[in-house]
């Protein structure tokens, strides 16, 4: 396991706050109220460990298969439905959405290899990530990748806690399946828009792993 580069600053600040709080706690409270000083230490240590775990990148055997579309994120499948995409395709698409809780790994990976033909950041609200309107009203970052099989759109969507979306792609870039393309801090969602008729390999409420679980198969 390694720590994502997006976490260095957050972990550093958290460690500093942890140190200062406990220095003050043990200096002023340990002699008079020792149980409170111990409680503060336990709670702040748990929070620090949570922050560190949030930015973890676990070692995994990634799934590489040009005929498959791989889950771009860890989490739970919360939507599988046909929608009308008004952002890019302007037609019917099959949407699969993955909700990421703060406890999930938050690295986002390319579902397939191909060329980035669209990349756009949208400012927006911070509705809870499972809200139906979060796909179109929340802060989000959309990417469309095209290869010989077709084109898919996947969007990183901020949630009630997520305040920063990181995206490392640009139009014209050639991306490889399962390579990292972004990161969302503190709880969020990823939508994948597939061509209608694509075979979906996941089910509602299924727990999936980014870069490992097969999301769909090309017809």
C-alpha atoms as a PDB file:
ATOM      1  CA  UNK A   1       0.000   0.000   0.000  1.00  0.00           C
ATOM      2  CA  UNK A   2       1.151   3.537  -0.792  1.00  0.00           C
ATOM      3  CA  UNK A   3      -0.205   7.023  -0.044  1.00  0.00           C
ATOM      4  CA  UNK A   4      -1.642   9.141  -2.849  1.00  0.00           C
ATOM      5  CA  UNK A   5       0.178  12.396  -3.577  1.00  0.00           C
ATOM      6  CA  UNK A   6      -3.066  14.342  -3.073  1.00  0.00           C
ATOM      7  CA  UNK A   7      -2.912  13.322   0.565  1.00  0.00           C
ATOM      8  CA  UNK A   8       0.504  14.651   1.518  1.00  0.00           C
ATOM      9  CA  UNK A   9      -0.713  18.130   2.491  1.00  0.00           C
ATOM     10  CA  UNK A  10      -3.875  16.924   4.247  1.00  0.00           C
ATOM     11  CA  UNK A  11      -1.970  14.287   6.202  1.00  0.00           C
ATOM     12  CA  UNK A  12       0.750  16.780   7.116  1.00  0.00           C
ATOM     13  CA  UNK A  13      -1.768  19.333   8.423  1.00  0.00           C
ATOM     14  CA  UNK A  14      -3.679  16.612  10.296  1.00  0.00           C
ATOM     15  CA  UNK A  15      -0.489  15.323  11.901  1.00  0.00           C
ATOM     16  CA  UNK A  16       0.455  18.848  12.981  1.00  0.00           C
ATOM     17  CA  UNK A  17      -2.981  19.440  14.541  1.00  0.00           C
ATOM     18  CA  UNK A  18      -2.784  16.013  16.233  1.00  0.00           C
ATOM     19  CA  UNK A  19       0.592  16.867  17.725  1.00  0.00           C
ATOM     20  CA  UNK A  20      -0.378  20.352  18.927  1.00  0.00           C
ATOM     21  CA  UNK A  21      -3.688  19.236  20.449  1.00  0.00           C
ATOM     22  CA  UNK A  22      -2.117  16.385  22.352  1.00  0.00           C
ATOM     23  CA  UNK A  23       0.846  18.462  23.475  1.00  0.00           C
ATOM     24  CA  UNK A  24      -1.573  20.988  24.956  1.00  0.00           C
ATOM     25  CA  UNK A  25      -3.809  18.247  26.351  1.00  0.00           C
ATOM     26  CA  UNK A  26      -1.048  16.381  28.171  1.00  0.00           C
ATOM     27  CA  UNK A  27       0.536  19.635  29.353  1.00  0.00           C
ATOM     28  CA  UNK A  28      -2.603  21.107  30.891  1.00  0.00           C
ATOM     29  CA  UNK A  29      -4.959  18.173  31.484  1.00  0.00           C
ATOM     30  CA  UNK A  30      -2.967  15.013  32.211  1.00  0.00           C
ATOM     31  CA  UNK A  31      -2.253  15.905  35.846  1.00  0.00           C
ATOM     32  CA  UNK A  32      -5.778  17.121  36.680  1.00  0.00           C
ATOM     33  CA  UNK A  33      -8.065  15.156  34.337  1.00  0.00           C
ATOM     34  CA  UNK A  34      -5.993  12.241  32.996  1.00  0.00           C
ATOM     35  CA  UNK A  35      -8.980  10.381  31.509  1.00  0.00           C
ATOM     36  CA  UNK A  36      -9.845  13.407  29.341  1.00  0.00           C
ATOM     37  CA  UNK A  37      -6.285  13.672  28.040  1.00  0.00           C
ATOM     38  CA  UNK A  38      -6.330   9.966  27.143  1.00  0.00           C
ATOM     39  CA  UNK A  39      -9.725  10.330  25.465  1.00  0.00           C
ATOM     40  CA  UNK A  40      -8.503  13.257  23.382  1.00  0.00           C
ATOM     41  CA  UNK A  41      -5.453  11.237  22.329  1.00  0.00           C
ATOM     42  CA  UNK A  42      -7.543   8.225  21.274  1.00  0.00           C
ATOM     43  CA  UNK A  43     -10.085  10.290  19.323  1.00  0.00           C
ATOM     44  CA  UNK A  44      -7.500  12.427  17.530  1.00  0.00           C
ATOM     45  CA  UNK A  45      -5.353   9.376  16.735  1.00  0.00           C
ATOM     46  CA  UNK A  46      -8.391   7.640  15.213  1.00  0.00           C
ATOM     47  CA  UNK A  47      -9.103  10.713  13.080  1.00  0.00           C
ATOM     48  CA  UNK A  48      -5.476  10.911  11.932  1.00  0.00           C
ATOM     49  CA  UNK A  49      -5.455   7.237  10.966  1.00  0.00           C
ATOM     50  CA  UNK A  50      -8.731   7.740   9.074  1.00  0.00           C
ATOM     51  CA  UNK A  51      -7.231  10.630   7.091  1.00  0.00           C
ATOM     52  CA  UNK A  52      -4.191   8.503   6.249  1.00  0.00           C
ATOM     53  CA  UNK A  53      -6.371   5.548   5.190  1.00  0.00           C
ATOM     54  CA  UNK A  54      -8.509   7.791   2.985  1.00  0.00           C
ATOM     55  CA  UNK A  55      -5.523   8.505   0.733  1.00  0.00           C
ATOM     56  CA  UNK A  56      -4.342   4.900   0.543  1.00  0.00           C
ATOM     57  CA  UNK A  57      -3.587   3.153  -2.747  1.00  0.00           C
ATOM     58  CA  UNK A  58      -3.788  -0.608  -2.113  1.00  0.00           C
ATOM     59  CA  UNK A  59      -1.739  -3.062  -4.135  1.00  0.00           C
ATOM     60  CA  UNK A  60      -4.019  -4.832  -6.621  1.00  0.00           C
ATOM     61  CA  UNK A  61      -3.956  -7.124  -9.612  1.00  0.00           C
ATOM     62  CA  UNK A  62      -5.649  -4.845 -12.158  1.00  0.00           C
ATOM     63  CA  UNK A  63      -7.971  -6.196 -14.867  1.00  0.00           C
ATOM     64  CA  UNK A  64      -6.738  -5.378 -18.378  1.00  0.00           C
ATOM     65  CA  UNK A  65      -9.056  -6.482 -21.201  1.00  0.00           C
ATOM     66  CA  UNK A  66      -9.799  -4.393 -24.301  1.00  0.00           C
ATOM     67  CA  UNK A  67     -13.192  -6.074 -24.677  1.00  0.00           C
ATOM     68  CA  UNK A  68     -14.277  -5.057 -21.172  1.00  0.00           C
ATOM     69  CA  UNK A  69     -15.100  -1.781 -19.437  1.00  0.00           C
ATOM     70  CA  UNK A  70     -13.614  -1.768 -15.927  1.00  0.00           C
ATOM     71  CA  UNK A  71     -15.047  -0.017 -12.855  1.00  0.00           C
ATOM     72  CA  UNK A  72     -13.341   3.368 -12.482  1.00  0.00           C
ATOM     73  CA  UNK A  73     -13.851   3.544  -8.707  1.00  0.00           C
ATOM     74  CA  UNK A  74     -14.376   1.585  -5.514  1.00  0.00           C
ATOM     75  CA  UNK A  75     -17.822   1.687  -3.962  1.00  0.00           C
ATOM     76  CA  UNK A  76     -21.378   0.461  -4.395  1.00  0.00           C
ATOM     77  CA  UNK A  77     -23.482   0.451  -7.564  1.00  0.00           C
ATOM     78  CA  UNK A  78     -26.454   2.745  -6.898  1.00  0.00           C
ATOM     79  CA  UNK A  79     -27.867   3.380 -10.387  1.00  0.00           C
ATOM     80  CA  UNK A  80     -28.331   1.282 -13.531  1.00  0.00           C
ATOM     81  CA  UNK A  81     -30.768   2.986 -15.896  1.00  0.00           C
ATOM     82  CA  UNK A  82     -31.269   4.534 -19.309  1.00  0.00           C
ATOM     83  CA  UNK A  83     -31.043   8.324 -19.390  1.00  0.00           C
ATOM     84  CA  UNK A  84     -30.881  11.113 -21.969  1.00  0.00           C
ATOM     85  CA  UNK A  85     -27.397  12.613 -21.932  1.00  0.00           C
ATOM     86  CA  UNK A  86     -27.681  16.349 -22.568  1.00  0.00           C
ATOM     87  CA  UNK A  87     -24.026  17.173 -22.016  1.00  0.00           C
ATOM     88  CA  UNK A  88     -22.214  15.434 -24.866  1.00  0.00           C
ATOM     89  CA  UNK A  89     -23.961  12.609 -26.738  1.00  0.00           C
ATOM     90  CA  UNK A  90     -27.409  14.231 -26.899  1.00  0.00           C
ATOM     91  CA  UNK A  91     -29.087  10.827 -27.028  1.00  0.00           C
ATOM     92  CA  UNK A  92     -29.990   7.830 -24.872  1.00  0.00           C
ATOM     93  CA  UNK A  93     -27.220   6.316 -22.774  1.00  0.00           C
ATOM     94  CA  UNK A  94     -27.035   3.574 -20.192  1.00  0.00           C
ATOM     95  CA  UNK A  95     -25.909   5.104 -16.900  1.00  0.00           C
ATOM     96  CA  UNK A  96     -24.141   3.117 -14.185  1.00  0.00           C
ATOM     97  CA  UNK A  97     -23.296   5.038 -11.015  1.00  0.00           C
ATOM     98  CA  UNK A  98     -20.885   4.063  -8.247  1.00  0.00           C
ATOM     99  CA  UNK A  99     -21.189   5.715  -4.837  1.00  0.00           C
ATOM    100  CA  UNK A 100     -17.967   6.078  -2.853  1.00  0.00           C
ATOM    101  CA  UNK A 101     -18.222   6.465   0.906  1.00  0.00           C
ATOM    102  CA  UNK A 102     -15.426   8.226   2.824  1.00  0.00           C
ATOM    103  CA  UNK A 103     -14.121   4.757   3.766  1.00  0.00           C
ATOM    104  CA  UNK A 104     -13.582   3.685   0.146  1.00  0.00           C
ATOM    105  CA  UNK A 105     -10.387   4.008  -1.883  1.00  0.00           C
ATOM    106  CA  UNK A 106     -10.802   7.242  -3.854  1.00  0.00           C
ATOM    107  CA  UNK A 107      -8.389   6.757  -6.735  1.00  0.00           C
ATOM    108  CA  UNK A 108     -10.231   6.934 -10.080  1.00  0.00           C
ATOM    109  CA  UNK A 109      -9.027   4.726 -12.960  1.00  0.00           C
ATOM    110  CA  UNK A 110      -9.707   4.753 -16.708  1.00  0.00           C
ATOM    111  CA  UNK A 111     -12.425   2.196 -17.565  1.00  0.00           C
ATOM    112  CA  UNK A 112     -10.869   1.619 -20.998  1.00  0.00           C
ATOM    113  CA  UNK A 113      -7.972   2.636 -23.216  1.00  0.00           C
ATOM    114  CA  UNK A 114      -8.442   5.252 -25.911  1.00  0.00           C
ATOM    115  CA  UNK A 115      -8.242   8.927 -26.796  1.00  0.00           C
ATOM    116  CA  UNK A 116      -9.726  11.685 -24.629  1.00  0.00           C
ATOM    117  CA  UNK A 117     -12.066  13.615 -26.942  1.00  0.00           C
ATOM    118  CA  UNK A 118     -13.867  15.683 -24.290  1.00  0.00           C
ATOM    119  CA  UNK A 119     -12.837  17.073 -20.929  1.00  0.00           C
ATOM    120  CA  UNK A 120     -14.865  19.623 -18.999  1.00  0.00           C
ATOM    121  CA  UNK A 121     -15.137  20.828 -15.417  1.00  0.00           C
ATOM    122  CA  UNK A 122     -18.546  22.059 -14.175  1.00  0.00           C
ATOM    123  CA  UNK A 123     -19.074  24.168 -11.080  1.00  0.00           C
ATOM    124  CA  UNK A 124     -22.116  23.188  -9.086  1.00  0.00           C
ATOM    125  CA  UNK A 125     -23.831  22.285  -5.848  1.00  0.00           C
ATOM    126  CA  UNK A 126     -22.832  19.816  -3.138  1.00  0.00           C
ATOM    127  CA  UNK A 127     -25.933  17.654  -2.846  1.00  0.00           C
ATOM    128  CA  UNK A 128     -25.430  14.254  -1.233  1.00  0.00           C
ATOM    129  CA  UNK A 129     -23.820  11.999  -3.848  1.00  0.00           C
ATOM    130  CA  UNK A 130     -26.757   9.567  -4.014  1.00  0.00           C
ATOM    131  CA  UNK A 131     -29.238  12.352  -4.829  1.00  0.00           C
ATOM    132  CA  UNK A 132     -30.695  11.836  -8.369  1.00  0.00           C
ATOM    133  CA  UNK A 133     -29.872  15.436  -9.348  1.00  0.00           C
ATOM    134  CA  UNK A 134     -26.233  15.205  -8.245  1.00  0.00           C
ATOM    135  CA  UNK A 135     -25.304  13.936 -11.734  1.00  0.00           C
ATOM    136  CA  UNK A 136     -26.387  17.196 -13.365  1.00  0.00           C
ATOM    137  CA  UNK A 137     -26.342  19.825 -10.600  1.00  0.00           C
ATOM    138  CA  UNK A 138     -23.315  19.025  -8.432  1.00  0.00           C
ATOM    139  CA  UNK A 139     -19.750  20.084  -9.054  1.00  0.00           C
ATOM    140  CA  UNK A 140     -18.412  17.522 -11.521  1.00  0.00           C
ATOM    141  CA  UNK A 141     -15.744  16.734 -14.089  1.00  0.00           C
ATOM    142  CA  UNK A 142     -16.675  14.900 -17.278  1.00  0.00           C
ATOM    143  CA  UNK A 143     -14.365  12.972 -19.597  1.00  0.00           C
ATOM    144  CA  UNK A 144     -15.181  11.161 -22.835  1.00  0.00           C
ATOM    145  CA  UNK A 145     -12.824   8.494 -24.149  1.00  0.00           C
ATOM    146  CA  UNK A 146     -13.125   6.911 -27.601  1.00  0.00           C
ATOM    147  CA  UNK A 147     -11.579   3.777 -29.077  1.00  0.00           C
ATOM    148  CA  UNK A 148     -12.428   1.244 -31.789  1.00  0.00           C
ATOM    149  CA  UNK A 149     -15.321  -0.158 -29.723  1.00  0.00           C
ATOM    150  CA  UNK A 150     -17.039   3.169 -29.133  1.00  0.00           C
ATOM    151  CA  UNK A 151     -17.160   6.124 -26.745  1.00  0.00           C
ATOM    152  CA  UNK A 152     -18.060   6.357 -23.074  1.00  0.00           C
ATOM    153  CA  UNK A 153     -18.454   9.331 -20.777  1.00  0.00           C
ATOM    154  CA  UNK A 154     -17.477   9.128 -17.149  1.00  0.00           C
ATOM    155  CA  UNK A 155     -17.874  11.905 -14.655  1.00  0.00           C
ATOM    156  CA  UNK A 156     -16.458  12.531 -11.201  1.00  0.00           C
ATOM    157  CA  UNK A 157     -19.172  14.056  -9.011  1.00  0.00           C
ATOM    158  CA  UNK A 158     -18.605  15.907  -5.757  1.00  0.00           C
ATOM    159  CA  UNK A 159     -20.796  15.007  -2.775  1.00  0.00           C
ATOM    160  CA  UNK A 160     -21.824  16.785   0.407  1.00  0.00           C
ATOM    161  CA  UNK A 161     -18.327  16.307   1.857  1.00  0.00           C
ATOM    162  CA  UNK A 162     -16.228  16.317  -1.309  1.00  0.00           C
ATOM    163  CA  UNK A 163     -14.771  19.766  -1.937  1.00  0.00           C
ATOM    164  CA  UNK A 164     -12.065  18.994  -4.456  1.00  0.00           C
ATOM    165  CA  UNK A 165     -12.086  16.990  -7.676  1.00  0.00           C
ATOM    166  CA  UNK A 166      -8.699  16.221  -9.215  1.00  0.00           C
ATOM    167  CA  UNK A 167      -8.534  15.239 -12.887  1.00  0.00           C
ATOM    168  CA  UNK A 168      -5.298  14.520 -14.746  1.00  0.00           C
ATOM    169  CA  UNK A 169      -6.565  14.153 -18.337  1.00  0.00           C
ATOM    170  CA  UNK A 170      -6.779  16.519 -21.287  1.00  0.00           C
ATOM    171  CA  UNK A 171      -8.270  16.440 -24.786  1.00  0.00           C
ATOM    172  CA  UNK A 172      -6.077  14.559 -27.255  1.00  0.00           C
ATOM    173  CA  UNK A 173      -4.393  12.460 -24.589  1.00  0.00           C
ATOM    174  CA  UNK A 174      -4.062   8.710 -25.087  1.00  0.00           C
ATOM    175  CA  UNK A 175      -5.024   6.928 -21.868  1.00  0.00           C
ATOM    176  CA  UNK A 176      -4.513   3.331 -20.814  1.00  0.00           C
ATOM    177  CA  UNK A 177      -7.114   1.132 -19.165  1.00  0.00           C
ATOM    178  CA  UNK A 178      -6.847   1.125 -15.353  1.00  0.00           C
ATOM    179  CA  UNK A 179      -4.274   3.923 -15.234  1.00  0.00           C
ATOM    180  CA  UNK A 180      -5.155   6.602 -12.709  1.00  0.00           C
ATOM    181  CA  UNK A 181      -7.011   9.576 -14.165  1.00  0.00           C
ATOM    182  CA  UNK A 182      -8.226  11.395 -11.058  1.00  0.00           C
ATOM    183  CA  UNK A 183      -9.064  11.575  -7.368  1.00  0.00           C
ATOM    184  CA  UNK A 184     -11.997  12.964  -5.353  1.00  0.00           C
ATOM    185  CA  UNK A 185     -11.537  14.017  -1.748  1.00  0.00           C
ATOM    186  CA  UNK A 186     -13.933  12.854   0.969  1.00  0.00           C
ATOM    187  CA  UNK A 187     -16.947  10.997  -0.371  1.00  0.00           C
ATOM    188  CA  UNK A 188     -18.329  11.197  -3.888  1.00  0.00           C
ATOM    189  CA  UNK A 189     -19.705   9.388  -6.921  1.00  0.00           C
ATOM    190  CA  UNK A 190     -18.696   8.380 -10.434  1.00  0.00           C
ATOM    191  CA  UNK A 191     -21.196   8.042 -13.300  1.00  0.00           C
ATOM    192  CA  UNK A 192     -20.373   6.019 -16.411  1.00  0.00           C
ATOM    193  CA  UNK A 193     -22.473   6.572 -19.543  1.00  0.00           C
ATOM    194  CA  UNK A 194     -22.402   3.583 -21.893  1.00  0.00           C
ATOM    195  CA  UNK A 195     -23.939   3.026 -25.328  1.00  0.00           C
ATOM    196  CA  UNK A 196     -27.438   1.555 -25.066  1.00  0.00           C
ATOM    197  CA  UNK A 197     -27.217  -2.205 -25.532  1.00  0.00           C
ATOM    198  CA  UNK A 198     -23.892  -2.581 -23.749  1.00  0.00           C
ATOM    199  CA  UNK A 199     -23.872  -5.686 -21.554  1.00  0.00           C
ATOM    200  CA  UNK A 200     -23.658  -4.628 -17.902  1.00  0.00           C
ATOM    201  CA  UNK A 201     -21.762  -7.072 -15.682  1.00  0.00           C
ATOM    202  CA  UNK A 202     -22.618  -5.513 -12.314  1.00  0.00           C
ATOM    203  CA  UNK A 203     -25.859  -5.443 -10.327  1.00  0.00           C
ATOM    204  CA  UNK A 204     -27.576  -2.883  -8.122  1.00  0.00           C
ATOM    205  CA  UNK A 205     -26.011  -2.570  -4.642  1.00  0.00           C
ATOM    206  CA  UNK A 206     -22.995  -4.640  -5.698  1.00  0.00           C
ATOM    207  CA  UNK A 207     -19.722  -3.622  -4.053  1.00  0.00           C
ATOM    208  CA  UNK A 208     -17.071  -3.064  -6.728  1.00  0.00           C
ATOM    209  CA  UNK A 209     -13.341  -2.375  -6.873  1.00  0.00           C
ATOM    210  CA  UNK A 210     -11.831   0.229  -9.151  1.00  0.00           C
ATOM    211  CA  UNK A 211      -9.479  -1.222 -11.728  1.00  0.00           C
ATOM    212  CA  UNK A 212     -10.553  -4.780 -10.854  1.00  0.00           C
ATOM    213  CA  UNK A 213     -14.314  -5.361 -11.250  1.00  0.00           C
ATOM    214  CA  UNK A 214     -15.654  -5.683 -14.812  1.00  0.00           C
ATOM    215  CA  UNK A 215     -18.382  -3.082 -15.187  1.00  0.00           C
ATOM    216  CA  UNK A 216     -19.576  -3.976 -18.702  1.00  0.00           C
ATOM    217  CA  UNK A 217     -18.645  -5.826 -21.892  1.00  0.00           C
ATOM    218  CA  UNK A 218     -18.660  -4.518 -25.438  1.00  0.00           C
ATOM    219  CA  UNK A 219     -21.295  -6.211 -27.584  1.00  0.00           C
END
